[in-house]
Amino acid sequence: MIEQLSPKDLAPWAQEQLSLGRKPVVVDVREDWEIKLASIKAEGFELKHIVMNEIPGALDQFNETQAIAVLCHHGGRSQNVAHFLLSNGVKHVSNISGGINAWSHEVDPSVPVY
């Protein structure tokens, strides 16, 4: 089962991961054009952009010292990527439910909704 994080829970999650000795990383799997429209700021975590279809070739970028939270537009693609990562040996994976859309509504209204 993939842990579901609401956008407002991301900061406490990142702090918890640090206390457990894991580096918190948010992986944004949206397309380049989506990133240009709306993005989040890395605050308390590392932010990586790896387009969803590039994830299989990027598995070597993940390791056990990281805790991964996956982000997309509404949470569907990120859920699929989270399952893929978990099934390919990445141990600490969460999904940011509602994606960047929920981020705009719950955390930062200056992030455009598209």
C-alpha atoms as a PDB file:
ATOM      1  CA  MET A   1       0.000   0.000   0.000  1.00  0.00           C
ATOM      2  CA  ILE A   2       1.305   3.421  -0.943  1.00  0.00           C
ATOM      3  CA  GLU A   3       1.154   6.089   1.765  1.00  0.00           C
ATOM      4  CA  GLN A   4      -1.003   9.037   0.670  1.00  0.00           C
ATOM      5  CA  LEU A   5       0.186  12.505   1.684  1.00  0.00           C
ATOM      6  CA  SER A   6      -1.937  15.588   1.359  1.00  0.00           C
ATOM      7  CA  PRO A   7       0.053  18.622   0.216  1.00  0.00           C
ATOM      8  CA  LYS A   8      -0.292  20.201   3.656  1.00  0.00           C
ATOM      9  CA  ASP A   9       1.227  17.056   5.202  1.00  0.00           C
ATOM     10  CA  LEU A  10       4.377  17.256   3.072  1.00  0.00           C
ATOM     11  CA  ALA A  11       6.374  19.517   5.425  1.00  0.00           C
ATOM     12  CA  PRO A  12       5.781  17.349   8.533  1.00  0.00           C
ATOM     13  CA  TRP A  13       6.499  14.232   6.423  1.00  0.00           C
ATOM     14  CA  ALA A  14       9.829  15.734   5.306  1.00  0.00           C
ATOM     15  CA  GLN A  15      10.791  16.508   8.908  1.00  0.00           C
ATOM     16  CA  GLU A  16       9.874  12.982   9.985  1.00  0.00           C
ATOM     17  CA  GLN A  17      11.985  11.471   7.203  1.00  0.00           C
ATOM     18  CA  LEU A  18      14.971  13.587   8.227  1.00  0.00           C
ATOM     19  CA  SER A  19      14.563  12.410  11.830  1.00  0.00           C
ATOM     20  CA  LEU A  20      14.647   8.817  10.539  1.00  0.00           C
ATOM     21  CA  GLY A  21      17.892   9.491   8.668  1.00  0.00           C
ATOM     22  CA  ARG A  22      16.281   9.615   5.225  1.00  0.00           C
ATOM     23  CA  LYS A  23      16.642  12.421   2.718  1.00  0.00           C
ATOM     24  CA  PRO A  24      13.156  13.637   1.672  1.00  0.00           C
ATOM     25  CA  VAL A  25      12.814  13.942  -2.109  1.00  0.00           C
ATOM     26  CA  VAL A  26       9.773  15.076  -4.080  1.00  0.00           C
ATOM     27  CA  VAL A  27       9.788  13.683  -7.606  1.00  0.00           C
ATOM     28  CA  ASP A  28       7.583  15.707  -9.950  1.00  0.00           C
ATOM     29  CA  VAL A  29       6.641  13.395 -12.825  1.00  0.00           C
ATOM     30  CA  ARG A  30       4.716  15.945 -14.904  1.00  0.00           C
ATOM     31  CA  GLU A  31       5.667  16.955 -18.438  1.00  0.00           C
ATOM     32  CA  ASP A  32       8.026  19.887 -19.044  1.00  0.00           C
ATOM     33  CA  TRP A  33       5.188  22.136 -20.244  1.00  0.00           C
ATOM     34  CA  GLU A  34       3.297  21.462 -16.998  1.00  0.00           C
ATOM     35  CA  ILE A  35       6.303  22.421 -14.898  1.00  0.00           C
ATOM     36  CA  LYS A  36       6.482  25.724 -16.776  1.00  0.00           C
ATOM     37  CA  LEU A  37       2.826  26.421 -15.929  1.00  0.00           C
ATOM     38  CA  ALA A  38       2.927  25.563 -12.246  1.00  0.00           C
ATOM     39  CA  SER A  39       5.584  24.346  -9.852  1.00  0.00           C
ATOM     40  CA  ILE A  40       6.270  24.031  -6.149  1.00  0.00           C
ATOM     41  CA  LYS A  41       9.259  25.342  -4.225  1.00  0.00           C
ATOM     42  CA  ALA A  42      11.634  22.930  -2.520  1.00  0.00           C
ATOM     43  CA  GLU A  43      11.289  23.736   1.167  1.00  0.00           C
ATOM     44  CA  GLY A  44      12.671  21.082   3.496  1.00  0.00           C
ATOM     45  CA  PHE A  45      13.088  18.540   0.718  1.00  0.00           C
ATOM     46  CA  GLU A  46      14.939  18.048  -2.552  1.00  0.00           C
ATOM     47  CA  LEU A  47      12.809  18.563  -5.672  1.00  0.00           C
ATOM     48  CA  LYS A  48      13.533  16.474  -8.776  1.00  0.00           C
ATOM     49  CA  HIS A  49      11.763  16.612 -12.110  1.00  0.00           C
ATOM     50  CA  ILE A  50      11.701  13.265 -13.904  1.00  0.00           C
ATOM     51  CA  VAL A  51       8.975  12.908 -16.532  1.00  0.00           C
ATOM     52  CA  MET A  52       6.839   9.826 -15.890  1.00  0.00           C
ATOM     53  CA  ASN A  53       7.973   7.916 -18.990  1.00  0.00           C
ATOM     54  CA  GLU A  54      11.627   8.479 -18.007  1.00  0.00           C
ATOM     55  CA  ILE A  55      11.268   6.881 -14.553  1.00  0.00           C
ATOM     56  CA  PRO A  56      12.223   3.319 -15.669  1.00  0.00           C
ATOM     57  CA  GLY A  57      15.553   4.599 -16.983  1.00  0.00           C
ATOM     58  CA  ALA A  58      16.147   6.667 -13.842  1.00  0.00           C
ATOM     59  CA  LEU A  59      15.852   3.918 -11.217  1.00  0.00           C
ATOM     60  CA  ASP A  60      19.553   4.279 -10.429  1.00  0.00           C
ATOM     61  CA  GLN A  61      18.798   7.776  -9.058  1.00  0.00           C
ATOM     62  CA  PHE A  62      16.904   6.291  -6.092  1.00  0.00           C
ATOM     63  CA  ASN A  63      18.408   4.640  -3.009  1.00  0.00           C
ATOM     64  CA  GLU A  64      17.525   3.490   0.501  1.00  0.00           C
ATOM     65  CA  THR A  65      18.727   6.705   2.129  1.00  0.00           C
ATOM     66  CA  GLN A  66      15.896   8.612   0.440  1.00  0.00           C
ATOM     67  CA  ALA A  67      12.196   8.920   1.133  1.00  0.00           C
ATOM     68  CA  ILE A  68      10.343   9.648  -2.090  1.00  0.00           C
ATOM     69  CA  ALA A  69       7.066  11.529  -2.447  1.00  0.00           C
ATOM     70  CA  VAL A  70       5.752  11.563  -6.011  1.00  0.00           C
ATOM     71  CA  LEU A  71       3.833  14.543  -7.455  1.00  0.00           C
ATOM     72  CA  CYS A  72       1.795  15.054 -10.640  1.00  0.00           C
ATOM     73  CA  HIS A  73      -1.223  17.123 -11.707  1.00  0.00           C
ATOM     74  CA  HIS A  74      -4.059  15.404  -9.785  1.00  0.00           C
ATOM     75  CA  GLY A  75      -2.380  12.349  -8.207  1.00  0.00           C
ATOM     76  CA  GLY A  76      -3.062   9.592 -10.744  1.00  0.00           C
ATOM     77  CA  ARG A  77       0.250   9.492 -12.572  1.00  0.00           C
ATOM     78  CA  SER A  78       2.148   9.908  -9.334  1.00  0.00           C
ATOM     79  CA  GLN A  79       0.248   6.970  -7.807  1.00  0.00           C
ATOM     80  CA  ASN A  80       1.246   4.808 -10.786  1.00  0.00           C
ATOM     81  CA  VAL A  81       4.878   5.908 -10.505  1.00  0.00           C
ATOM     82  CA  ALA A  82       4.866   5.268  -6.747  1.00  0.00           C
ATOM     83  CA  HIS A  83       3.647   1.700  -7.353  1.00  0.00           C
ATOM     84  CA  PHE A  84       6.290   1.228 -10.048  1.00  0.00           C
ATOM     85  CA  LEU A  85       9.066   2.469  -7.751  1.00  0.00           C
ATOM     86  CA  LEU A  86       7.902   0.264  -4.891  1.00  0.00           C
ATOM     87  CA  SER A  87       7.742  -2.787  -7.152  1.00  0.00           C
ATOM     88  CA  ASN A  88      11.274  -2.038  -8.355  1.00  0.00           C
ATOM     89  CA  GLY A  89      12.915  -1.958  -4.952  1.00  0.00           C
ATOM     90  CA  VAL A  90      12.491   1.641  -3.810  1.00  0.00           C
ATOM     91  CA  LYS A  91      11.469   1.181  -0.187  1.00  0.00           C
ATOM     92  CA  HIS A  92      10.187   4.530   1.104  1.00  0.00           C
ATOM     93  CA  VAL A  93       7.613   5.827  -1.401  1.00  0.00           C
ATOM     94  CA  SER A  94       4.557   8.041  -0.916  1.00  0.00           C
ATOM     95  CA  ASN A  95       2.065   9.687  -3.244  1.00  0.00           C
ATOM     96  CA  ILE A  96       1.051  13.335  -2.951  1.00  0.00           C
ATOM     97  CA  SER A  97      -2.709  12.994  -3.273  1.00  0.00           C
ATOM     98  CA  GLY A  98      -4.432  15.611  -5.388  1.00  0.00           C
ATOM     99  CA  GLY A  99      -1.141  16.666  -6.981  1.00  0.00           C
ATOM    100  CA  ILE A 100      -0.189  20.216  -7.874  1.00  0.00           C
ATOM    101  CA  ASN A 101      -3.880  21.072  -8.157  1.00  0.00           C
ATOM    102  CA  ALA A 102      -4.435  20.281  -4.477  1.00  0.00           C
ATOM    103  CA  TRP A 103      -1.156  22.046  -3.658  1.00  0.00           C
ATOM    104  CA  SER A 104      -2.603  25.247  -5.102  1.00  0.00           C
ATOM    105  CA  HIS A 105      -5.796  24.896  -3.053  1.00  0.00           C
ATOM    106  CA  GLU A 106      -4.251  23.687   0.238  1.00  0.00           C
ATOM    107  CA  VAL A 107      -0.764  25.178   0.460  1.00  0.00           C
ATOM    108  CA  ASP A 108       0.039  27.948  -2.008  1.00  0.00           C
ATOM    109  CA  PRO A 109      -2.749  29.708  -3.935  1.00  0.00           C
ATOM    110  CA  SER A 110      -0.134  31.553  -5.999  1.00  0.00           C
ATOM    111  CA  VAL A 111       0.531  28.254  -7.854  1.00  0.00           C
ATOM    112  CA  PRO A 112      -1.654  28.417 -10.968  1.00  0.00           C
ATOM    113  CA  VAL A 113      -4.421  25.881 -11.459  1.00  0.00           C
ATOM    114  CA  TYR A 114      -4.564  24.390 -14.947  1.00  0.00           C
END
